[in-house]
Amino acid sequence: SILSGAHMALVPRVLQLMRANGQGDVHVFVGGIVPETDVQPLLEMGVMAVYGPGTPSSKYIDEIRAAVLGEVVA
């Protein structure tokens, strides 16, 4: 979590660096306090999912497991 909103600057940079270094196939998940208005842009950048406070651990465990196993994350 970065309360300053820097996730909108840092996440694209991390994704860019990962792609530039041949790691574009690595799944990226974001968690923490993320304004609802930032969720869709993060997903469009290539983030697999965004989890806010209070997200049940079973939800992100299931979705990360599904992504790693090549299943669709809903």
PDB file of N, CA and C in Angstrom:
ATOM      1  N   SER A   1       0.834  -1.193   0.000  1.00  0.00           N
ATOM      2  CA  SER A   1       0.000   0.000   0.000  1.00  0.00           C
ATOM      3  C   SER A   1       0.870   1.245   0.000  1.00  0.00           C
ATOM      4  N   ILE A   2       0.494   2.167  -0.827  1.00  0.00           N
ATOM      5  CA  ILE A   2       1.148   3.470  -0.840  1.00  0.00           C
ATOM      6  C   ILE A   2       0.019   4.488  -0.790  1.00  0.00           C
ATOM      7  N   LEU A   3      -0.126   5.144   0.335  1.00  0.00           N
ATOM      8  CA  LEU A   3      -1.262   6.040   0.527  1.00  0.00           C
ATOM      9  C   LEU A   3      -1.175   7.309  -0.308  1.00  0.00           C
ATOM     10  N   SER A   4      -0.006   7.590  -0.881  1.00  0.00           N
ATOM     11  CA  SER A   4       0.173   8.808  -1.666  1.00  0.00           C
ATOM     12  C   SER A   4      -0.438   8.711  -3.059  1.00  0.00           C
ATOM     13  N   GLY A   5      -0.846   7.527  -3.461  1.00  0.00           N
ATOM     14  CA  GLY A   5      -1.350   7.346  -4.816  1.00  0.00           C
ATOM     15  C   GLY A   5      -0.244   7.084  -5.818  1.00  0.00           C
ATOM     16  N   ALA A   6       0.962   6.899  -5.337  1.00  0.00           N
ATOM     17  CA  ALA A   6       2.107   6.678  -6.226  1.00  0.00           C
ATOM     18  C   ALA A   6       1.993   5.380  -7.016  1.00  0.00           C
ATOM     19  N   HIS A   7       1.043   4.532  -6.655  1.00  0.00           N
ATOM     20  CA  HIS A   7       0.870   3.283  -7.407  1.00  0.00           C
ATOM     21  C   HIS A   7       0.623   3.562  -8.886  1.00  0.00           C
ATOM     22  N   MET A   8       0.022   4.701  -9.194  1.00  0.00           N
ATOM     23  CA  MET A   8      -0.268   5.024 -10.591  1.00  0.00           C
ATOM     24  C   MET A   8       0.990   5.432 -11.356  1.00  0.00           C
ATOM     25  N   ALA A   9       2.054   5.745 -10.664  1.00  0.00           N
ATOM     26  CA  ALA A   9       3.344   6.010 -11.307  1.00  0.00           C
ATOM     27  C   ALA A   9       4.250   4.797 -11.214  1.00  0.00           C
ATOM     28  N   LEU A  10       4.218   4.117 -10.085  1.00  0.00           N
ATOM     29  CA  LEU A  10       5.134   3.002  -9.860  1.00  0.00           C
ATOM     30  C   LEU A  10       4.739   1.735 -10.614  1.00  0.00           C
ATOM     31  N   VAL A  11       3.470   1.401 -10.624  1.00  0.00           N
ATOM     32  CA  VAL A  11       3.040   0.158 -11.282  1.00  0.00           C
ATOM     33  C   VAL A  11       3.369   0.172 -12.777  1.00  0.00           C
ATOM     34  N   PRO A  12       3.069   1.249 -13.515  1.00  0.00           N
ATOM     35  CA  PRO A  12       3.432   1.234 -14.934  1.00  0.00           C
ATOM     36  C   PRO A  12       4.938   1.087 -15.144  1.00  0.00           C
ATOM     37  N   ARG A  13       5.715   1.710 -14.274  1.00  0.00           N
ATOM     38  CA  ARG A  13       7.176   1.616 -14.395  1.00  0.00           C
ATOM     39  C   ARG A  13       7.649   0.195 -14.118  1.00  0.00           C
ATOM     40  N   VAL A  14       7.108  -0.429 -13.095  1.00  0.00           N
ATOM     41  CA  VAL A  14       7.470  -1.815 -12.790  1.00  0.00           C
ATOM     42  C   VAL A  14       7.098  -2.718 -13.967  1.00  0.00           C
ATOM     43  N   LEU A  15       5.901  -2.553 -14.501  1.00  0.00           N
ATOM     44  CA  LEU A  15       5.471  -3.365 -15.642  1.00  0.00           C
ATOM     45  C   LEU A  15       6.377  -3.134 -16.851  1.00  0.00           C
ATOM     46  N   GLN A  16       6.728  -1.885 -17.093  1.00  0.00           N
ATOM     47  CA  GLN A  16       7.615  -1.545 -18.210  1.00  0.00           C
ATOM     48  C   GLN A  16       8.976  -2.219 -18.041  1.00  0.00           C
ATOM     49  N   LEU A  17       9.542  -2.129 -16.856  1.00  0.00           N
ATOM     50  CA  LEU A  17      10.844  -2.743 -16.601  1.00  0.00           C
ATOM     51  C   LEU A  17      10.778  -4.259 -16.711  1.00  0.00           C
ATOM     52  N   MET A  18       9.698  -4.838 -16.221  1.00  0.00           N
ATOM     53  CA  MET A  18       9.543  -6.289 -16.327  1.00  0.00           C
ATOM     54  C   MET A  18       9.503  -6.716 -17.792  1.00  0.00           C
ATOM     55  N   ARG A  19       8.722  -6.004 -18.594  1.00  0.00           N
ATOM     56  CA  ARG A  19       8.624  -6.349 -20.019  1.00  0.00           C
ATOM     57  C   ARG A  19       9.962  -6.157 -20.727  1.00  0.00           C
ATOM     58  N   ALA A  20      10.658  -5.073 -20.393  1.00  0.00           N
ATOM     59  CA  ALA A  20      11.953  -4.793 -21.018  1.00  0.00           C
ATOM     60  C   ALA A  20      12.997  -5.841 -20.666  1.00  0.00           C
ATOM     61  N   ASN A  21      12.799  -6.522 -19.559  1.00  0.00           N
ATOM     62  CA  ASN A  21      13.754  -7.527 -19.106  1.00  0.00           C
ATOM     63  C   ASN A  21      13.246  -8.949 -19.294  1.00  0.00           C
ATOM     64  N   GLY A  22      12.305  -9.107 -20.214  1.00  0.00           N
ATOM     65  CA  GLY A  22      11.831 -10.440 -20.556  1.00  0.00           C
ATOM     66  C   GLY A  22      10.953 -11.090 -19.509  1.00  0.00           C
ATOM     67  N   GLN A  23      10.370 -10.289 -18.640  1.00  0.00           N
ATOM     68  CA  GLN A  23       9.515 -10.824 -17.585  1.00  0.00           C
ATOM     69  C   GLN A  23       8.059 -10.404 -17.763  1.00  0.00           C
ATOM     70  N   GLY A  24       7.679 -10.098 -18.987  1.00  0.00           N
ATOM     71  CA  GLY A  24       6.321  -9.644 -19.257  1.00  0.00           C
ATOM     72  C   GLY A  24       5.248 -10.683 -19.018  1.00  0.00           C
ATOM     73  N   ASP A  25       5.666 -11.941 -18.858  1.00  0.00           N
ATOM     74  CA  ASP A  25       4.692 -13.003 -18.612  1.00  0.00           C
ATOM     75  C   ASP A  25       4.453 -13.255 -17.127  1.00  0.00           C
ATOM     76  N   VAL A  26       5.110 -12.488 -16.269  1.00  0.00           N
ATOM     77  CA  VAL A  26       4.935 -12.632 -14.821  1.00  0.00           C
ATOM     78  C   VAL A  26       3.650 -11.914 -14.417  1.00  0.00           C
ATOM     79  N   HIS A  27       2.811 -12.595 -13.667  1.00  0.00           N
ATOM     80  CA  HIS A  27       1.550 -12.005 -13.214  1.00  0.00           C
ATOM     81  C   HIS A  27       1.813 -10.987 -12.111  1.00  0.00           C
ATOM     82  N   VAL A  28       1.167  -9.824 -12.221  1.00  0.00           N
ATOM     83  CA  VAL A  28       1.312  -8.766 -11.222  1.00  0.00           C
ATOM     84  C   VAL A  28      -0.053  -8.519 -10.590  1.00  0.00           C
ATOM     85  N   PHE A  29      -0.070  -8.550  -9.272  1.00  0.00           N
ATOM     86  CA  PHE A  29      -1.274  -8.289  -8.492  1.00  0.00           C
ATOM     87  C   PHE A  29      -0.990  -7.094  -7.595  1.00  0.00           C
ATOM     88  N   VAL A  30      -1.990  -6.251  -7.391  1.00  0.00           N
ATOM     89  CA  VAL A  30      -1.838  -5.063  -6.554  1.00  0.00           C
ATOM     90  C   VAL A  30      -2.820  -5.168  -5.401  1.00  0.00           C
ATOM     91  N   GLY A  31      -2.360  -4.815  -4.219  1.00  0.00           N
ATOM     92  CA  GLY A  31      -3.235  -4.843  -3.059  1.00  0.00           C
ATOM     93  C   GLY A  31      -3.014  -3.640  -2.176  1.00  0.00           C
ATOM     94  N   GLY A  32      -4.058  -3.266  -1.472  1.00  0.00           N
ATOM     95  CA  GLY A  32      -3.968  -2.154  -0.541  1.00  0.00           C
ATOM     96  C   GLY A  32      -5.083  -1.163  -0.790  1.00  0.00           C
ATOM     97  N   ILE A  33      -4.871   0.034  -0.330  1.00  0.00           N
ATOM     98  CA  ILE A  33      -5.873   1.084  -0.491  1.00  0.00           C
ATOM     99  C   ILE A  33      -5.663   1.728  -1.858  1.00  0.00           C
ATOM    100  N   VAL A  34      -6.511   1.345  -2.793  1.00  0.00           N
ATOM    101  CA  VAL A  34      -6.440   1.846  -4.166  1.00  0.00           C
ATOM    102  C   VAL A  34      -7.804   2.446  -4.486  1.00  0.00           C
ATOM    103  N   PRO A  35      -7.857   3.728  -4.844  1.00  0.00           N
ATOM    104  CA  PRO A  35      -9.147   4.325  -5.187  1.00  0.00           C
ATOM    105  C   PRO A  35      -9.828   3.555  -6.317  1.00  0.00           C
ATOM    106  N   GLU A  36     -11.121   3.434  -6.238  1.00  0.00           N
ATOM    107  CA  GLU A  36     -11.892   2.701  -7.243  1.00  0.00           C
ATOM    108  C   GLU A  36     -11.619   3.228  -8.651  1.00  0.00           C
ATOM    109  N   THR A  37     -11.396   4.534  -8.765  1.00  0.00           N
ATOM    110  CA  THR A  37     -11.137   5.125 -10.085  1.00  0.00           C
ATOM    111  C   THR A  37      -9.797   4.686 -10.674  1.00  0.00           C
ATOM    112  N   ASP A  38      -8.922   4.129  -9.854  1.00  0.00           N
ATOM    113  CA  ASP A  38      -7.610   3.670 -10.334  1.00  0.00           C
ATOM    114  C   ASP A  38      -7.608   2.193 -10.720  1.00  0.00           C
ATOM    115  N   VAL A  39      -8.623   1.457 -10.314  1.00  0.00           N
ATOM    116  CA  VAL A  39      -8.626   0.005 -10.537  1.00  0.00           C
ATOM    117  C   VAL A  39      -8.628  -0.332 -12.027  1.00  0.00           C
ATOM    118  N   GLN A  40      -9.561   0.204 -12.790  1.00  0.00           N
ATOM    119  CA  GLN A  40      -9.643  -0.127 -14.222  1.00  0.00           C
ATOM    120  C   GLN A  40      -8.377   0.268 -14.969  1.00  0.00           C
ATOM    121  N   PRO A  41      -7.833   1.469 -14.759  1.00  0.00           N
ATOM    122  CA  PRO A  41      -6.575   1.796 -15.435  1.00  0.00           C
ATOM    123  C   PRO A  41      -5.442   0.826 -15.087  1.00  0.00           C
ATOM    124  N   LEU A  42      -5.377   0.374 -13.845  1.00  0.00           N
ATOM    125  CA  LEU A  42      -4.348  -0.598 -13.468  1.00  0.00           C
ATOM    126  C   LEU A  42      -4.553  -1.914 -14.216  1.00  0.00           C
ATOM    127  N   LEU A  43      -5.792  -2.355 -14.317  1.00  0.00           N
ATOM    128  CA  LEU A  43      -6.087  -3.590 -15.048  1.00  0.00           C
ATOM    129  C   LEU A  43      -5.727  -3.442 -16.524  1.00  0.00           C
ATOM    130  N   GLU A  44      -6.020  -2.276 -17.092  1.00  0.00           N
ATOM    131  CA  GLU A  44      -5.705  -2.034 -18.499  1.00  0.00           C
ATOM    132  C   GLU A  44      -4.201  -1.985 -18.749  1.00  0.00           C
ATOM    133  N   MET A  45      -3.429  -1.626 -17.727  1.00  0.00           N
ATOM    134  CA  MET A  45      -1.965  -1.615 -17.831  1.00  0.00           C
ATOM    135  C   MET A  45      -1.387  -3.022 -17.869  1.00  0.00           C
ATOM    136  N   GLY A  46      -2.158  -3.982 -17.354  1.00  0.00           N
ATOM    137  CA  GLY A  46      -1.664  -5.349 -17.323  1.00  0.00           C
ATOM    138  C   GLY A  46      -1.660  -6.000 -15.958  1.00  0.00           C
ATOM    139  N   VAL A  47      -2.110  -5.280 -14.938  1.00  0.00           N
ATOM    140  CA  VAL A  47      -2.243  -5.868 -13.607  1.00  0.00           C
ATOM    141  C   VAL A  47      -3.348  -6.920 -13.676  1.00  0.00           C
ATOM    142  N   MET A  48      -3.108  -8.072 -13.081  1.00  0.00           N
ATOM    143  CA  MET A  48      -4.091  -9.161 -13.131  1.00  0.00           C
ATOM    144  C   MET A  48      -5.321  -8.871 -12.274  1.00  0.00           C
ATOM    145  N   ALA A  49      -5.102  -8.299 -11.090  1.00  0.00           N
ATOM    146  CA  ALA A  49      -6.212  -8.010 -10.179  1.00  0.00           C
ATOM    147  C   ALA A  49      -5.747  -7.002  -9.143  1.00  0.00           C
ATOM    148  N   VAL A  50      -6.717  -6.303  -8.572  1.00  0.00           N
ATOM    149  CA  VAL A  50      -6.451  -5.333  -7.514  1.00  0.00           C
ATOM    150  C   VAL A  50      -7.307  -5.723  -6.322  1.00  0.00           C
ATOM    151  N   TYR A  51      -6.677  -5.842  -5.159  1.00  0.00           N
ATOM    152  CA  TYR A  51      -7.372  -6.261  -3.940  1.00  0.00           C
ATOM    153  C   TYR A  51      -7.316  -5.149  -2.906  1.00  0.00           C
ATOM    154  N   GLY A  52      -8.482  -4.785  -2.397  1.00  0.00           N
ATOM    155  CA  GLY A  52      -8.559  -3.756  -1.383  1.00  0.00           C
ATOM    156  C   GLY A  52      -8.535  -4.338   0.013  1.00  0.00           C
ATOM    157  N   PRO A  53      -8.491  -3.453   1.009  1.00  0.00           N
ATOM    158  CA  PRO A  53      -8.524  -3.906   2.397  1.00  0.00           C
ATOM    159  C   PRO A  53      -9.786  -4.730   2.650  1.00  0.00           C
ATOM    160  N   GLY A  54      -9.647  -5.758   3.416  1.00  0.00           N
ATOM    161  CA  GLY A  54     -10.788  -6.593   3.758  1.00  0.00           C
ATOM    162  C   GLY A  54     -11.090  -7.683   2.747  1.00  0.00           C
ATOM    163  N   THR A  55     -10.322  -7.739   1.674  1.00  0.00           N
ATOM    164  CA  THR A  55     -10.529  -8.820   0.706  1.00  0.00           C
ATOM    165  C   THR A  55     -10.250 -10.143   1.400  1.00  0.00           C
ATOM    166  N   PRO A  56     -11.173 -11.078   1.346  1.00  0.00           N
ATOM    167  CA  PRO A  56     -10.928 -12.375   1.981  1.00  0.00           C
ATOM    168  C   PRO A  56      -9.700 -13.046   1.365  1.00  0.00           C
ATOM    169  N   SER A  57      -8.870 -13.597   2.223  1.00  0.00           N
ATOM    170  CA  SER A  57      -7.656 -14.242   1.721  1.00  0.00           C
ATOM    171  C   SER A  57      -7.991 -15.362   0.743  1.00  0.00           C
ATOM    172  N   SER A  58      -9.114 -16.023   0.934  1.00  0.00           N
ATOM    173  CA  SER A  58      -9.492 -17.101   0.013  1.00  0.00           C
ATOM    174  C   SER A  58      -9.683 -16.573  -1.408  1.00  0.00           C
ATOM    175  N   LYS A  59     -10.160 -15.336  -1.548  1.00  0.00           N
ATOM    176  CA  LYS A  59     -10.373 -14.756  -2.881  1.00  0.00           C
ATOM    177  C   LYS A  59      -9.052 -14.577  -3.605  1.00  0.00           C
ATOM    178  N   TYR A  60      -8.084 -13.899  -2.962  1.00  0.00           N
ATOM    179  CA  TYR A  60      -6.835 -13.678  -3.690  1.00  0.00           C
ATOM    180  C   TYR A  60      -6.004 -14.942  -3.808  1.00  0.00           C
ATOM    181  N   ILE A  61      -6.100 -15.832  -2.858  1.00  0.00           N
ATOM    182  CA  ILE A  61      -5.389 -17.111  -2.990  1.00  0.00           C
ATOM    183  C   ILE A  61      -5.933 -17.882  -4.187  1.00  0.00           C
ATOM    184  N   ASP A  62      -7.248 -17.977  -4.289  1.00  0.00           N
ATOM    185  CA  ASP A  62      -7.866 -18.699  -5.407  1.00  0.00           C
ATOM    186  C   ASP A  62      -7.524 -18.055  -6.749  1.00  0.00           C
ATOM    187  N   GLU A  63      -7.564 -16.729  -6.806  1.00  0.00           N
ATOM    188  CA  GLU A  63      -7.310 -16.039  -8.072  1.00  0.00           C
ATOM    189  C   GLU A  63      -5.840 -16.109  -8.475  1.00  0.00           C
ATOM    190  N   ILE A  64      -4.944 -16.002  -7.517  1.00  0.00           N
ATOM    191  CA  ILE A  64      -3.518 -16.125  -7.835  1.00  0.00           C
ATOM    192  C   ILE A  64      -3.211 -17.552  -8.266  1.00  0.00           C
ATOM    193  N   ARG A  65      -3.758 -18.503  -7.552  1.00  0.00           N
ATOM    194  CA  ARG A  65      -3.563 -19.914  -7.928  1.00  0.00           C
ATOM    195  C   ARG A  65      -4.078 -20.154  -9.354  1.00  0.00           C
ATOM    196  N   ALA A  66      -5.263 -19.639  -9.661  1.00  0.00           N
ATOM    197  CA  ALA A  66      -5.840 -19.820 -10.994  1.00  0.00           C
ATOM    198  C   ALA A  66      -4.960 -19.178 -12.065  1.00  0.00           C
ATOM    199  N   ALA A  67      -4.446 -17.990 -11.789  1.00  0.00           N
ATOM    200  CA  ALA A  67      -3.583 -17.311 -12.764  1.00  0.00           C
ATOM    201  C   ALA A  67      -2.308 -18.101 -13.010  1.00  0.00           C
ATOM    202  N   VAL A  68      -1.730 -18.613 -11.959  1.00  0.00           N
ATOM    203  CA  VAL A  68      -0.491 -19.387 -12.087  1.00  0.00           C
ATOM    204  C   VAL A  68      -0.740 -20.678 -12.857  1.00  0.00           C
ATOM    205  N   LEU A  69      -1.905 -21.264 -12.649  1.00  0.00           N
ATOM    206  CA  LEU A  69      -2.236 -22.517 -13.330  1.00  0.00           C
ATOM    207  C   LEU A  69      -2.814 -22.292 -14.729  1.00  0.00           C
ATOM    208  N   GLY A  70      -2.940 -21.018 -15.130  1.00  0.00           N
ATOM    209  CA  GLY A  70      -3.411 -20.714 -16.474  1.00  0.00           C
ATOM    210  C   GLY A  70      -4.908 -20.649 -16.636  1.00  0.00           C
ATOM    211  N   GLU A  71      -5.625 -20.552 -15.538  1.00  0.00           N
ATOM    212  CA  GLU A  71      -7.076 -20.440 -15.604  1.00  0.00           C
ATOM    213  C   GLU A  71      -7.462 -18.967 -15.673  1.00  0.00           C
ATOM    214  N   VAL A  72      -8.691 -18.699 -16.027  1.00  0.00           N
ATOM    215  CA  VAL A  72      -9.179 -17.332 -16.138  1.00  0.00           C
ATOM    216  C   VAL A  72      -9.450 -16.768 -14.752  1.00  0.00           C
ATOM    217  N   VAL A  73      -8.948 -15.560 -14.495  1.00  0.00           N
ATOM    218  CA  VAL A  73      -9.234 -14.868 -13.240  1.00  0.00           C
ATOM    219  C   VAL A  73     -10.470 -14.025 -13.464  1.00  0.00           C
ATOM    220  N   ALA A  74     -11.502 -14.248 -12.642  1.00  0.00           N
ATOM    221  CA  ALA A  74     -12.762 -13.506 -12.813  1.00  0.00           C
ATOM    222  C   ALA A  74     -12.831 -12.330 -11.877  1.00  0.00           C
TER     223      ALA A  74
END
